Amino acid sequence: MIGQVDEVVVDCSAPVQLATFWAGILGGKPVKRSEEWAFVDPPGWTRLAFQRVPESKLTKNRLHIDVSVDDVVVATEAAERLGATRVGTVQEDPAGTFQVLLDPEGNEWCVVKGVES
């Protein structure tokens, strides 16, 4: 092992806005370190940080967050009230049910409910 995850950092144009959005999704309080950097420490997970970059998002994420929920439809509606955008419809596969969403800057993420074992 080389080390442990310190934080997951998302490049963005509005760090405080995204920290506030993700605090609403995952819990914790958004913290503004500067105009260029903000973060949230979700309970039970590593720090999620946001740093301002000059470039805008151009293509699909190579990494995304899956958020485990009890009810995909209810969670999707709650996320939309916080500023998320729904992509397509609820999907089902052998592993469970999920809905793809975009955060306020267009980063893909999913609410998921796994199959009960």
PDB file of N, CA and C in Angstrom:
ATOM      1  N   MET A   1       0.842  -1.185   0.000  1.00  0.00           N
ATOM      2  CA  MET A   1       0.000   0.000   0.000  1.00  0.00           C
ATOM      3  C   MET A   1       0.886   1.247   0.000  1.00  0.00           C
ATOM      4  N   ILE A   2       0.533   2.221  -0.805  1.00  0.00           N
ATOM      5  CA  ILE A   2       1.281   3.472  -0.879  1.00  0.00           C
ATOM      6  C   ILE A   2       0.728   4.493   0.103  1.00  0.00           C
ATOM      7  N   GLY A   3      -0.581   4.551   0.261  1.00  0.00           N
ATOM      8  CA  GLY A   3      -1.185   5.554   1.147  1.00  0.00           C
ATOM      9  C   GLY A   3      -2.688   5.370   1.235  1.00  0.00           C
ATOM     10  N   GLN A   4      -3.367   6.350   1.822  1.00  0.00           N
ATOM     11  CA  GLN A   4      -4.810   6.330   1.986  1.00  0.00           C
ATOM     12  C   GLN A   4      -5.426   7.551   1.324  1.00  0.00           C
ATOM     13  N   VAL A   5      -6.691   7.449   0.959  1.00  0.00           N
ATOM     14  CA  VAL A   5      -7.379   8.573   0.337  1.00  0.00           C
ATOM     15  C   VAL A   5      -7.492   9.701   1.353  1.00  0.00           C
ATOM     16  N   ASP A   6      -7.009  10.870   1.003  1.00  0.00           N
ATOM     17  CA  ASP A   6      -7.117  12.057   1.851  1.00  0.00           C
ATOM     18  C   ASP A   6      -8.422  12.776   1.560  1.00  0.00           C
ATOM     19  N   GLU A   7      -8.722  12.964   0.274  1.00  0.00           N
ATOM     20  CA  GLU A   7      -9.957  13.605  -0.148  1.00  0.00           C
ATOM     21  C   GLU A   7     -10.149  13.343  -1.636  1.00  0.00           C
ATOM     22  N   VAL A   8     -11.377  13.469  -2.091  1.00  0.00           N
ATOM     23  CA  VAL A   8     -11.686  13.398  -3.517  1.00  0.00           C
ATOM     24  C   VAL A   8     -11.942  14.830  -3.963  1.00  0.00           C
ATOM     25  N   VAL A   9     -11.247  15.274  -5.004  1.00  0.00           N
ATOM     26  CA  VAL A   9     -11.317  16.661  -5.438  1.00  0.00           C
ATOM     27  C   VAL A   9     -12.000  16.748  -6.800  1.00  0.00           C
ATOM     28  N   VAL A  10     -12.956  17.670  -6.902  1.00  0.00           N
ATOM     29  CA  VAL A  10     -13.687  17.903  -8.141  1.00  0.00           C
ATOM     30  C   VAL A  10     -13.291  19.269  -8.692  1.00  0.00           C
ATOM     31  N   ASP A  11     -12.819  19.317  -9.925  1.00  0.00           N
ATOM     32  CA  ASP A  11     -12.563  20.596 -10.589  1.00  0.00           C
ATOM     33  C   ASP A  11     -13.904  21.229 -10.945  1.00  0.00           C
ATOM     34  N   CYS A  12     -14.016  22.541 -10.784  1.00  0.00           N
ATOM     35  CA  CYS A  12     -15.296  23.200 -11.034  1.00  0.00           C
ATOM     36  C   CYS A  12     -15.100  24.700 -11.204  1.00  0.00           C
ATOM     37  N   SER A  13     -16.192  25.404 -11.489  1.00  0.00           N
ATOM     38  CA  SER A  13     -16.129  26.861 -11.598  1.00  0.00           C
ATOM     39  C   SER A  13     -16.706  27.549 -10.371  1.00  0.00           C
ATOM     40  N   ALA A  14     -17.494  26.832  -9.551  1.00  0.00           N
ATOM     41  CA  ALA A  14     -18.153  27.433  -8.384  1.00  0.00           C
ATOM     42  C   ALA A  14     -18.006  26.515  -7.166  1.00  0.00           C
ATOM     43  N   PRO A  15     -16.836  26.537  -6.517  1.00  0.00           N
ATOM     44  CA  PRO A  15     -16.576  25.611  -5.412  1.00  0.00           C
ATOM     45  C   PRO A  15     -17.593  25.678  -4.266  1.00  0.00           C
ATOM     46  N   VAL A  16     -17.961  26.869  -3.843  1.00  0.00           N
ATOM     47  CA  VAL A  16     -18.885  26.991  -2.713  1.00  0.00           C
ATOM     48  C   VAL A  16     -20.261  26.449  -3.087  1.00  0.00           C
ATOM     49  N   GLN A  17     -20.723  26.738  -4.294  1.00  0.00           N
ATOM     50  CA  GLN A  17     -22.023  26.237  -4.740  1.00  0.00           C
ATOM     51  C   GLN A  17     -22.040  24.707  -4.761  1.00  0.00           C
ATOM     52  N   LEU A  18     -20.981  24.091  -5.269  1.00  0.00           N
ATOM     53  CA  LEU A  18     -20.957  22.632  -5.319  1.00  0.00           C
ATOM     54  C   LEU A  18     -20.807  22.028  -3.931  1.00  0.00           C
ATOM     55  N   ALA A  19     -20.017  22.627  -3.066  1.00  0.00           N
ATOM     56  CA  ALA A  19     -19.907  22.116  -1.694  1.00  0.00           C
ATOM     57  C   ALA A  19     -21.268  22.174  -1.001  1.00  0.00           C
ATOM     58  N   THR A  20     -22.016  23.234  -1.227  1.00  0.00           N
ATOM     59  CA  THR A  20     -23.347  23.369  -0.644  1.00  0.00           C
ATOM     60  C   THR A  20     -24.295  22.318  -1.215  1.00  0.00           C
ATOM     61  N   PHE A  21     -24.271  22.120  -2.533  1.00  0.00           N
ATOM     62  CA  PHE A  21     -25.099  21.100  -3.173  1.00  0.00           C
ATOM     63  C   PHE A  21     -24.801  19.722  -2.586  1.00  0.00           C
ATOM     64  N   TRP A  22     -23.521  19.330  -2.556  1.00  0.00           N
ATOM     65  CA  TRP A  22     -23.160  17.998  -2.093  1.00  0.00           C
ATOM     66  C   TRP A  22     -23.394  17.820  -0.601  1.00  0.00           C
ATOM     67  N   ALA A  23     -23.310  18.881   0.184  1.00  0.00           N
ATOM     68  CA  ALA A  23     -23.676  18.789   1.606  1.00  0.00           C
ATOM     69  C   ALA A  23     -25.158  18.452   1.727  1.00  0.00           C
ATOM     70  N   GLY A  24     -25.974  19.015   0.851  1.00  0.00           N
ATOM     71  CA  GLY A  24     -27.397  18.690   0.843  1.00  0.00           C
ATOM     72  C   GLY A  24     -27.668  17.252   0.447  1.00  0.00           C
ATOM     73  N   ILE A  25     -26.835  16.692  -0.407  1.00  0.00           N
ATOM     74  CA  ILE A  25     -27.000  15.303  -0.857  1.00  0.00           C
ATOM     75  C   ILE A  25     -26.453  14.321   0.177  1.00  0.00           C
ATOM     76  N   LEU A  26     -25.252  14.571   0.694  1.00  0.00           N
ATOM     77  CA  LEU A  26     -24.548  13.589   1.530  1.00  0.00           C
ATOM     78  C   LEU A  26     -24.527  13.920   3.019  1.00  0.00           C
ATOM     79  N   GLY A  27     -24.927  15.128   3.390  1.00  0.00           N
ATOM     80  CA  GLY A  27     -24.801  15.543   4.791  1.00  0.00           C
ATOM     81  C   GLY A  27     -23.488  16.260   5.018  1.00  0.00           C
ATOM     82  N   GLY A  28     -23.309  16.780   6.203  1.00  0.00           N
ATOM     83  CA  GLY A  28     -22.127  17.579   6.521  1.00  0.00           C
ATOM     84  C   GLY A  28     -22.392  19.038   6.218  1.00  0.00           C
ATOM     85  N   LYS A  29     -21.440  19.869   6.566  1.00  0.00           N
ATOM     86  CA  LYS A  29     -21.577  21.315   6.344  1.00  0.00           C
ATOM     87  C   LYS A  29     -20.560  21.772   5.313  1.00  0.00           C
ATOM     88  N   PRO A  30     -20.988  22.596   4.362  1.00  0.00           N
ATOM     89  CA  PRO A  30     -20.031  23.115   3.391  1.00  0.00           C
ATOM     90  C   PRO A  30     -19.069  24.090   4.072  1.00  0.00           C
ATOM     91  N   VAL A  31     -17.806  24.000   3.710  1.00  0.00           N
ATOM     92  CA  VAL A  31     -16.780  24.873   4.272  1.00  0.00           C
ATOM     93  C   VAL A  31     -16.089  25.602   3.131  1.00  0.00           C
ATOM     94  N   LYS A  32     -16.091  26.923   3.202  1.00  0.00           N
ATOM     95  CA  LYS A  32     -15.404  27.739   2.194  1.00  0.00           C
ATOM     96  C   LYS A  32     -14.011  28.058   2.727  1.00  0.00           C
ATOM     97  N   ARG A  33     -13.004  27.468   2.109  1.00  0.00           N
ATOM     98  CA  ARG A  33     -11.627  27.762   2.498  1.00  0.00           C
ATOM     99  C   ARG A  33     -11.170  29.057   1.843  1.00  0.00           C
ATOM    100  N   SER A  34     -11.614  29.270   0.588  1.00  0.00           N
ATOM    101  CA  SER A  34     -11.312  30.488  -0.155  1.00  0.00           C
ATOM    102  C   SER A  34     -12.273  30.541  -1.329  1.00  0.00           C
ATOM    103  N   GLU A  35     -12.162  31.571  -2.161  1.00  0.00           N
ATOM    104  CA  GLU A  35     -12.986  31.627  -3.367  1.00  0.00           C
ATOM    105  C   GLU A  35     -12.624  30.501  -4.336  1.00  0.00           C
ATOM    106  N   GLU A  36     -11.431  29.969  -4.166  1.00  0.00           N
ATOM    107  CA  GLU A  36     -10.917  28.940  -5.070  1.00  0.00           C
ATOM    108  C   GLU A  36     -11.119  27.522  -4.562  1.00  0.00           C
ATOM    109  N   TRP A  37     -11.544  27.348  -3.303  1.00  0.00           N
ATOM    110  CA  TRP A  37     -11.537  26.009  -2.711  1.00  0.00           C
ATOM    111  C   TRP A  37     -12.600  25.907  -1.630  1.00  0.00           C
ATOM    112  N   ALA A  38     -13.431  24.867  -1.699  1.00  0.00           N
ATOM    113  CA  ALA A  38     -14.429  24.587  -0.666  1.00  0.00           C
ATOM    114  C   ALA A  38     -14.526  23.076  -0.506  1.00  0.00           C
ATOM    115  N   PHE A  39     -15.108  22.628   0.603  1.00  0.00           N
ATOM    116  CA  PHE A  39     -15.232  21.189   0.813  1.00  0.00           C
ATOM    117  C   PHE A  39     -16.395  20.874   1.739  1.00  0.00           C
ATOM    118  N   VAL A  40     -16.726  19.584   1.789  1.00  0.00           N
ATOM    119  CA  VAL A  40     -17.707  19.058   2.728  1.00  0.00           C
ATOM    120  C   VAL A  40     -17.154  17.729   3.248  1.00  0.00           C
ATOM    121  N   ASP A  41     -17.378  17.473   4.542  1.00  0.00           N
ATOM    122  CA  ASP A  41     -16.989  16.206   5.155  1.00  0.00           C
ATOM    123  C   ASP A  41     -18.260  15.406   5.440  1.00  0.00           C
ATOM    124  N   PRO A  42     -18.724  14.602   4.478  1.00  0.00           N
ATOM    125  CA  PRO A  42     -19.941  13.822   4.697  1.00  0.00           C
ATOM    126  C   PRO A  42     -19.734  12.794   5.813  1.00  0.00           C
ATOM    127  N   PRO A  43     -20.726  12.597   6.667  1.00  0.00           N
ATOM    128  CA  PRO A  43     -20.591  11.598   7.730  1.00  0.00           C
ATOM    129  C   PRO A  43     -20.281  10.212   7.140  1.00  0.00           C
ATOM    130  N   GLY A  44     -19.278   9.569   7.681  1.00  0.00           N
ATOM    131  CA  GLY A  44     -18.950   8.214   7.258  1.00  0.00           C
ATOM    132  C   GLY A  44     -18.209   8.100   5.935  1.00  0.00           C
ATOM    133  N   TRP A  45     -17.750   9.221   5.389  1.00  0.00           N
ATOM    134  CA  TRP A  45     -17.050   9.164   4.110  1.00  0.00           C
ATOM    135  C   TRP A  45     -15.895  10.149   4.112  1.00  0.00           C
ATOM    136  N   THR A  46     -15.041  10.072   3.115  1.00  0.00           N
ATOM    137  CA  THR A  46     -13.900  10.964   3.013  1.00  0.00           C
ATOM    138  C   THR A  46     -14.329  12.367   2.574  1.00  0.00           C
ATOM    139  N   ARG A  47     -13.476  13.327   2.786  1.00  0.00           N
ATOM    140  CA  ARG A  47     -13.746  14.708   2.373  1.00  0.00           C
ATOM    141  C   ARG A  47     -13.954  14.787   0.864  1.00  0.00           C
ATOM    142  N   LEU A  48     -14.952  15.580   0.474  1.00  0.00           N
ATOM    143  CA  LEU A  48     -15.222  15.864  -0.924  1.00  0.00           C
ATOM    144  C   LEU A  48     -14.922  17.344  -1.122  1.00  0.00           C
ATOM    145  N   ALA A  49     -13.891  17.635  -1.913  1.00  0.00           N
ATOM    146  CA  ALA A  49     -13.415  19.017  -2.075  1.00  0.00           C
ATOM    147  C   ALA A  49     -13.664  19.502  -3.499  1.00  0.00           C
ATOM    148  N   PHE A  50     -13.729  20.825  -3.638  1.00  0.00           N
ATOM    149  CA  PHE A  50     -14.030  21.458  -4.920  1.00  0.00           C
ATOM    150  C   PHE A  50     -13.044  22.585  -5.147  1.00  0.00           C
ATOM    151  N   GLN A  51     -12.334  22.521  -6.277  1.00  0.00           N
ATOM    152  CA  GLN A  51     -11.359  23.564  -6.588  1.00  0.00           C
ATOM    153  C   GLN A  51     -11.718  24.243  -7.897  1.00  0.00           C
ATOM    154  N   ARG A  52     -11.613  25.558  -7.893  1.00  0.00           N
ATOM    155  CA  ARG A  52     -11.908  26.333  -9.095  1.00  0.00           C
ATOM    156  C   ARG A  52     -10.813  26.117 -10.131  1.00  0.00           C
ATOM    157  N   VAL A  53     -11.251  25.861 -11.373  1.00  0.00           N
ATOM    158  CA  VAL A  53     -10.343  25.758 -12.512  1.00  0.00           C
ATOM    159  C   VAL A  53     -10.909  26.618 -13.634  1.00  0.00           C
ATOM    160  N   PRO A  54     -10.073  27.083 -14.542  1.00  0.00           N
ATOM    161  CA  PRO A  54     -10.567  27.964 -15.609  1.00  0.00           C
ATOM    162  C   PRO A  54     -11.345  27.231 -16.707  1.00  0.00           C
ATOM    163  N   GLU A  55     -11.088  25.935 -16.889  1.00  0.00           N
ATOM    164  CA  GLU A  55     -11.744  25.184 -17.954  1.00  0.00           C
ATOM    165  C   GLU A  55     -13.142  24.761 -17.513  1.00  0.00           C
ATOM    166  N   SER A  56     -14.038  24.638 -18.505  1.00  0.00           N
ATOM    167  CA  SER A  56     -15.357  24.086 -18.213  1.00  0.00           C
ATOM    168  C   SER A  56     -15.342  22.591 -18.509  1.00  0.00           C
ATOM    169  N   LYS A  57     -16.321  21.880 -17.984  1.00  0.00           N
ATOM    170  CA  LYS A  57     -16.450  20.444 -18.239  1.00  0.00           C
ATOM    171  C   LYS A  57     -16.863  20.238 -19.695  1.00  0.00           C
ATOM    172  N   LEU A  58     -16.186  19.340 -20.394  1.00  0.00           N
ATOM    173  CA  LEU A  58     -16.466  19.140 -21.816  1.00  0.00           C
ATOM    174  C   LEU A  58     -17.032  17.763 -22.142  1.00  0.00           C
ATOM    175  N   THR A  59     -16.662  16.737 -21.396  1.00  0.00           N
ATOM    176  CA  THR A  59     -17.072  15.376 -21.737  1.00  0.00           C
ATOM    177  C   THR A  59     -17.563  14.627 -20.499  1.00  0.00           C
ATOM    178  N   LYS A  60     -17.911  13.368 -20.706  1.00  0.00           N
ATOM    179  CA  LYS A  60     -18.388  12.523 -19.618  1.00  0.00           C
ATOM    180  C   LYS A  60     -17.296  12.330 -18.561  1.00  0.00           C
ATOM    181  N   ASN A  61     -17.731  12.274 -17.289  1.00  0.00           N
ATOM    182  CA  ASN A  61     -16.806  11.992 -16.182  1.00  0.00           C
ATOM    183  C   ASN A  61     -16.128  10.637 -16.389  1.00  0.00           C
ATOM    184  N   ARG A  62     -14.909  10.516 -15.924  1.00  0.00           N
ATOM    185  CA  ARG A  62     -14.232   9.228 -15.895  1.00  0.00           C
ATOM    186  C   ARG A  62     -14.413   8.568 -14.531  1.00  0.00           C
ATOM    187  N   LEU A  63     -14.944   9.295 -13.577  1.00  0.00           N
ATOM    188  CA  LEU A  63     -15.175   8.821 -12.222  1.00  0.00           C
ATOM    189  C   LEU A  63     -16.470   9.463 -11.751  1.00  0.00           C
ATOM    190  N   HIS A  64     -17.336   8.704 -11.074  1.00  0.00           N
ATOM    191  CA  HIS A  64     -18.547   9.317 -10.545  1.00  0.00           C
ATOM    192  C   HIS A  64     -18.904   8.713  -9.193  1.00  0.00           C
ATOM    193  N   ILE A  65     -19.784   9.368  -8.488  1.00  0.00           N
ATOM    194  CA  ILE A  65     -20.210   8.932  -7.161  1.00  0.00           C
ATOM    195  C   ILE A  65     -21.561   8.244  -7.282  1.00  0.00           C
ATOM    196  N   ASP A  66     -21.697   7.078  -6.652  1.00  0.00           N
ATOM    197  CA  ASP A  66     -22.981   6.406  -6.491  1.00  0.00           C
ATOM    198  C   ASP A  66     -23.424   6.634  -5.048  1.00  0.00           C
ATOM    199  N   VAL A  67     -24.628   7.152  -4.874  1.00  0.00           N
ATOM    200  CA  VAL A  67     -25.171   7.438  -3.546  1.00  0.00           C
ATOM    201  C   VAL A  67     -26.256   6.406  -3.251  1.00  0.00           C
ATOM    202  N   SER A  68     -26.047   5.599  -2.220  1.00  0.00           N
ATOM    203  CA  SER A  68     -26.988   4.559  -1.837  1.00  0.00           C
ATOM    204  C   SER A  68     -28.209   5.188  -1.168  1.00  0.00           C
ATOM    205  N   VAL A  69     -29.410   4.801  -1.622  1.00  0.00           N
ATOM    206  CA  VAL A  69     -30.663   5.357  -1.103  1.00  0.00           C
ATOM    207  C   VAL A  69     -31.668   4.228  -0.873  1.00  0.00           C
ATOM    208  N   ASP A  70     -32.709   4.528  -0.104  1.00  0.00           N
ATOM    209  CA  ASP A  70     -33.780   3.558   0.136  1.00  0.00           C
ATOM    210  C   ASP A  70     -34.792   3.536  -1.004  1.00  0.00           C
ATOM    211  N   ASP A  71     -34.997   4.686  -1.650  1.00  0.00           N
ATOM    212  CA  ASP A  71     -35.999   4.805  -2.709  1.00  0.00           C
ATOM    213  C   ASP A  71     -35.434   5.712  -3.805  1.00  0.00           C
ATOM    214  N   VAL A  72     -35.162   5.152  -4.960  1.00  0.00           N
ATOM    215  CA  VAL A  72     -34.537   5.891  -6.061  1.00  0.00           C
ATOM    216  C   VAL A  72     -35.408   7.055  -6.522  1.00  0.00           C
ATOM    217  N   VAL A  73     -36.705   6.852  -6.650  1.00  0.00           N
ATOM    218  CA  VAL A  73     -37.593   7.906  -7.145  1.00  0.00           C
ATOM    219  C   VAL A  73     -37.661   9.060  -6.149  1.00  0.00           C
ATOM    220  N   VAL A  74     -37.848   8.754  -4.876  1.00  0.00           N
ATOM    221  CA  VAL A  74     -37.926   9.807  -3.843  1.00  0.00           C
ATOM    222  C   VAL A  74     -36.600  10.560  -3.760  1.00  0.00           C
ATOM    223  N   ALA A  75     -35.475   9.830  -3.791  1.00  0.00           N
ATOM    224  CA  ALA A  75     -34.158  10.470  -3.716  1.00  0.00           C
ATOM    225  C   ALA A  75     -33.897  11.343  -4.932  1.00  0.00           C
ATOM    226  N   THR A  76     -34.333  10.891  -6.100  1.00  0.00           N
ATOM    227  CA  THR A  76     -34.162  11.675  -7.328  1.00  0.00           C
ATOM    228  C   THR A  76     -34.908  12.996  -7.217  1.00  0.00           C
ATOM    229  N   GLU A  77     -36.138  12.941  -6.766  1.00  0.00           N
ATOM    230  CA  GLU A  77     -36.934  14.164  -6.610  1.00  0.00           C
ATOM    231  C   GLU A  77     -36.302  15.119  -5.602  1.00  0.00           C
ATOM    232  N   ALA A  78     -35.787  14.582  -4.497  1.00  0.00           N
ATOM    233  CA  ALA A  78     -35.123  15.426  -3.495  1.00  0.00           C
ATOM    234  C   ALA A  78     -33.858  16.059  -4.069  1.00  0.00           C
ATOM    235  N   ALA A  79     -33.092  15.287  -4.838  1.00  0.00           N
ATOM    236  CA  ALA A  79     -31.870  15.812  -5.459  1.00  0.00           C
ATOM    237  C   ALA A  79     -32.200  16.909  -6.466  1.00  0.00           C
ATOM    238  N   GLU A  80     -33.277  16.737  -7.213  1.00  0.00           N
ATOM    239  CA  GLU A  80     -33.679  17.762  -8.176  1.00  0.00           C
ATOM    240  C   GLU A  80     -34.051  19.064  -7.458  1.00  0.00           C
ATOM    241  N   ARG A  81     -34.671  18.970  -6.298  1.00  0.00           N
ATOM    242  CA  ARG A  81     -34.999  20.185  -5.534  1.00  0.00           C
ATOM    243  C   ARG A  81     -33.742  20.914  -5.075  1.00  0.00           C
ATOM    244  N   LEU A  82     -32.635  20.181  -4.921  1.00  0.00           N
ATOM    245  CA  LEU A  82     -31.364  20.791  -4.528  1.00  0.00           C
ATOM    246  C   LEU A  82     -30.576  21.325  -5.725  1.00  0.00           C
ATOM    247  N   GLY A  83     -31.030  21.028  -6.948  1.00  0.00           N
ATOM    248  CA  GLY A  83     -30.344  21.540  -8.133  1.00  0.00           C
ATOM    249  C   GLY A  83     -29.826  20.492  -9.081  1.00  0.00           C
ATOM    250  N   ALA A  84     -30.053  19.204  -8.799  1.00  0.00           N
ATOM    251  CA  ALA A  84     -29.625  18.138  -9.707  1.00  0.00           C
ATOM    252  C   ALA A  84     -30.531  18.114 -10.934  1.00  0.00           C
ATOM    253  N   THR A  85     -30.006  17.543 -12.019  1.00  0.00           N
ATOM    254  CA  THR A  85     -30.765  17.344 -13.242  1.00  0.00           C
ATOM    255  C   THR A  85     -30.800  15.853 -13.546  1.00  0.00           C
ATOM    256  N   ARG A  86     -31.980  15.343 -13.825  1.00  0.00           N
ATOM    257  CA  ARG A  86     -32.172  13.933 -14.162  1.00  0.00           C
ATOM    258  C   ARG A  86     -31.697  13.673 -15.592  1.00  0.00           C
ATOM    259  N   VAL A  87     -31.037  12.529 -15.801  1.00  0.00           N
ATOM    260  CA  VAL A  87     -30.615  12.097 -17.132  1.00  0.00           C
ATOM    261  C   VAL A  87     -31.328  10.792 -17.433  1.00  0.00           C
ATOM    262  N   GLY A  88     -32.224  10.806 -18.404  1.00  0.00           N
ATOM    263  CA  GLY A  88     -32.930   9.586 -18.770  1.00  0.00           C
ATOM    264  C   GLY A  88     -33.919   9.159 -17.696  1.00  0.00           C
ATOM    265  N   THR A  89     -34.177   7.861 -17.660  1.00  0.00           N
ATOM    266  CA  THR A  89     -35.157   7.302 -16.733  1.00  0.00           C
ATOM    267  C   THR A  89     -34.462   6.377 -15.745  1.00  0.00           C
ATOM    268  N   VAL A  90     -35.215   5.942 -14.750  1.00  0.00           N
ATOM    269  CA  VAL A  90     -34.703   4.971 -13.788  1.00  0.00           C
ATOM    270  C   VAL A  90     -34.331   3.697 -14.541  1.00  0.00           C
ATOM    271  N   GLN A  91     -33.158   3.167 -14.218  1.00  0.00           N
ATOM    272  CA  GLN A  91     -32.653   1.952 -14.860  1.00  0.00           C
ATOM    273  C   GLN A  91     -32.636   0.808 -13.852  1.00  0.00           C
ATOM    274  N   GLU A  92     -32.880  -0.399 -14.337  1.00  0.00           N
ATOM    275  CA  GLU A  92     -32.795  -1.585 -13.493  1.00  0.00           C
ATOM    276  C   GLU A  92     -31.886  -2.594 -14.160  1.00  0.00           C
ATOM    277  N   ASP A  93     -31.047  -3.254 -13.346  1.00  0.00           N
ATOM    278  CA  ASP A  93     -30.218  -4.336 -13.845  1.00  0.00           C
ATOM    279  C   ASP A  93     -30.107  -5.367 -12.720  1.00  0.00           C
ATOM    280  N   PRO A  94     -29.413  -6.463 -12.923  1.00  0.00           N
ATOM    281  CA  PRO A  94     -29.358  -7.506 -11.891  1.00  0.00           C
ATOM    282  C   PRO A  94     -28.801  -7.020 -10.546  1.00  0.00           C
ATOM    283  N   ALA A  95     -28.016  -5.968 -10.545  1.00  0.00           N
ATOM    284  CA  ALA A  95     -27.447  -5.462  -9.296  1.00  0.00           C
ATOM    285  C   ALA A  95     -28.401  -4.533  -8.540  1.00  0.00           C
ATOM    286  N   GLY A  96     -29.433  -4.010  -9.223  1.00  0.00           N
ATOM    287  CA  GLY A  96     -30.357  -3.115  -8.544  1.00  0.00           C
ATOM    288  C   GLY A  96     -30.933  -2.057  -9.465  1.00  0.00           C
ATOM    289  N   THR A  97     -31.323  -0.940  -8.852  1.00  0.00           N
ATOM    290  CA  THR A  97     -31.979   0.153  -9.557  1.00  0.00           C
ATOM    291  C   THR A  97     -31.138   1.408  -9.403  1.00  0.00           C
ATOM    292  N   PHE A  98     -31.079   2.241 -10.449  1.00  0.00           N
ATOM    293  CA  PHE A  98     -30.321   3.481 -10.341  1.00  0.00           C
ATOM    294  C   PHE A  98     -30.901   4.552 -11.259  1.00  0.00           C
ATOM    295  N   GLN A  99     -30.578   5.800 -10.919  1.00  0.00           N
ATOM    296  CA  GLN A  99     -30.944   6.960 -11.732  1.00  0.00           C
ATOM    297  C   GLN A  99     -29.703   7.802 -11.911  1.00  0.00           C
ATOM    298  N   VAL A 100     -29.349   8.111 -13.150  1.00  0.00           N
ATOM    299  CA  VAL A 100     -28.226   9.012 -13.430  1.00  0.00           C
ATOM    300  C   VAL A 100     -28.713  10.441 -13.253  1.00  0.00           C
ATOM    301  N   LEU A 101     -27.889  11.257 -12.597  1.00  0.00           N
ATOM    302  CA  LEU A 101     -28.173  12.674 -12.361  1.00  0.00           C
ATOM    303  C   LEU A 101     -26.941  13.493 -12.706  1.00  0.00           C
ATOM    304  N   LEU A 102     -27.132  14.795 -12.853  1.00  0.00           N
ATOM    305  CA  LEU A 102     -26.029  15.751 -13.005  1.00  0.00           C
ATOM    306  C   LEU A 102     -26.068  16.694 -11.826  1.00  0.00           C
ATOM    307  N   ASP A 103     -24.888  17.045 -11.289  1.00  0.00           N
ATOM    308  CA  ASP A 103     -24.852  18.089 -10.261  1.00  0.00           C
ATOM    309  C   ASP A 103     -24.976  19.444 -10.965  1.00  0.00           C
ATOM    310  N   PRO A 104     -24.988  20.563 -10.235  1.00  0.00           N
ATOM    311  CA  PRO A 104     -25.191  21.864 -10.886  1.00  0.00           C
ATOM    312  C   PRO A 104     -24.158  22.234 -11.950  1.00  0.00           C
ATOM    313  N   GLU A 105     -22.998  21.574 -11.968  1.00  0.00           N
ATOM    314  CA  GLU A 105     -22.001  21.868 -13.000  1.00  0.00           C
ATOM    315  C   GLU A 105     -21.937  20.791 -14.072  1.00  0.00           C
ATOM    316  N   GLY A 106     -22.885  19.861 -14.057  1.00  0.00           N
ATOM    317  CA  GLY A 106     -22.943  18.854 -15.100  1.00  0.00           C
ATOM    318  C   GLY A 106     -22.155  17.586 -14.836  1.00  0.00           C
ATOM    319  N   ASN A 107     -21.654  17.392 -13.618  1.00  0.00           N
ATOM    320  CA  ASN A 107     -20.934  16.168 -13.279  1.00  0.00           C
ATOM    321  C   ASN A 107     -21.924  15.037 -13.023  1.00  0.00           C
ATOM    322  N   GLU A 108     -21.714  13.899 -13.692  1.00  0.00           N
ATOM    323  CA  GLU A 108     -22.602  12.765 -13.540  1.00  0.00           C
ATOM    324  C   GLU A 108     -22.422  12.105 -12.177  1.00  0.00           C
ATOM    325  N   TRP A 109     -23.548  11.630 -11.618  1.00  0.00           N
ATOM    326  CA  TRP A 109     -23.554  10.826 -10.402  1.00  0.00           C
ATOM    327  C   TRP A 109     -24.859  10.046 -10.396  1.00  0.00           C
ATOM    328  N   CYS A 110     -24.993   9.074  -9.498  1.00  0.00           N
ATOM    329  CA  CYS A 110     -26.191   8.236  -9.486  1.00  0.00           C
ATOM    330  C   CYS A 110     -26.734   8.061  -8.072  1.00  0.00           C
ATOM    331  N   VAL A 111     -28.058   7.959  -7.969  1.00  0.00           N
ATOM    332  CA  VAL A 111     -28.661   7.409  -6.761  1.00  0.00           C
ATOM    333  C   VAL A 111     -28.927   5.938  -7.084  1.00  0.00           C
ATOM    334  N   VAL A 112     -28.607   5.051  -6.133  1.00  0.00           N
ATOM    335  CA  VAL A 112     -28.683   3.618  -6.388  1.00  0.00           C
ATOM    336  C   VAL A 112     -29.364   2.904  -5.227  1.00  0.00           C
ATOM    337  N   LYS A 113     -30.071   1.852  -5.559  1.00  0.00           N
ATOM    338  CA  LYS A 113     -30.625   0.942  -4.564  1.00  0.00           C
ATOM    339  C   LYS A 113     -30.289  -0.455  -5.034  1.00  0.00           C
ATOM    340  N   GLY A 114     -29.439  -1.139  -4.250  1.00  0.00           N
ATOM    341  CA  GLY A 114     -29.021  -2.480  -4.616  1.00  0.00           C
ATOM    342  C   GLY A 114     -30.119  -3.503  -4.378  1.00  0.00           C
ATOM    343  N   VAL A 115     -29.946  -4.651  -4.983  1.00  0.00           N
ATOM    344  CA  VAL A 115     -30.878  -5.768  -4.813  1.00  0.00           C
ATOM    345  C   VAL A 115     -30.727  -6.299  -3.395  1.00  0.00           C
ATOM    346  N   GLU A 116     -31.853  -6.524  -2.729  1.00  0.00           N
ATOM    347  CA  GLU A 116     -31.827  -7.116  -1.383  1.00  0.00           C
ATOM    348  C   GLU A 116     -31.324  -8.543  -1.494  1.00  0.00           C
ATOM    349  N   SER A 117     -30.386  -8.940  -0.591  1.00  0.00           N
ATOM    350  CA  SER A 117     -29.891 -10.318  -0.667  1.00  0.00           C
ATOM    351  C   SER A 117     -30.587 -11.217   0.320  1.00  0.00           C
TER     352      SER A 117
END
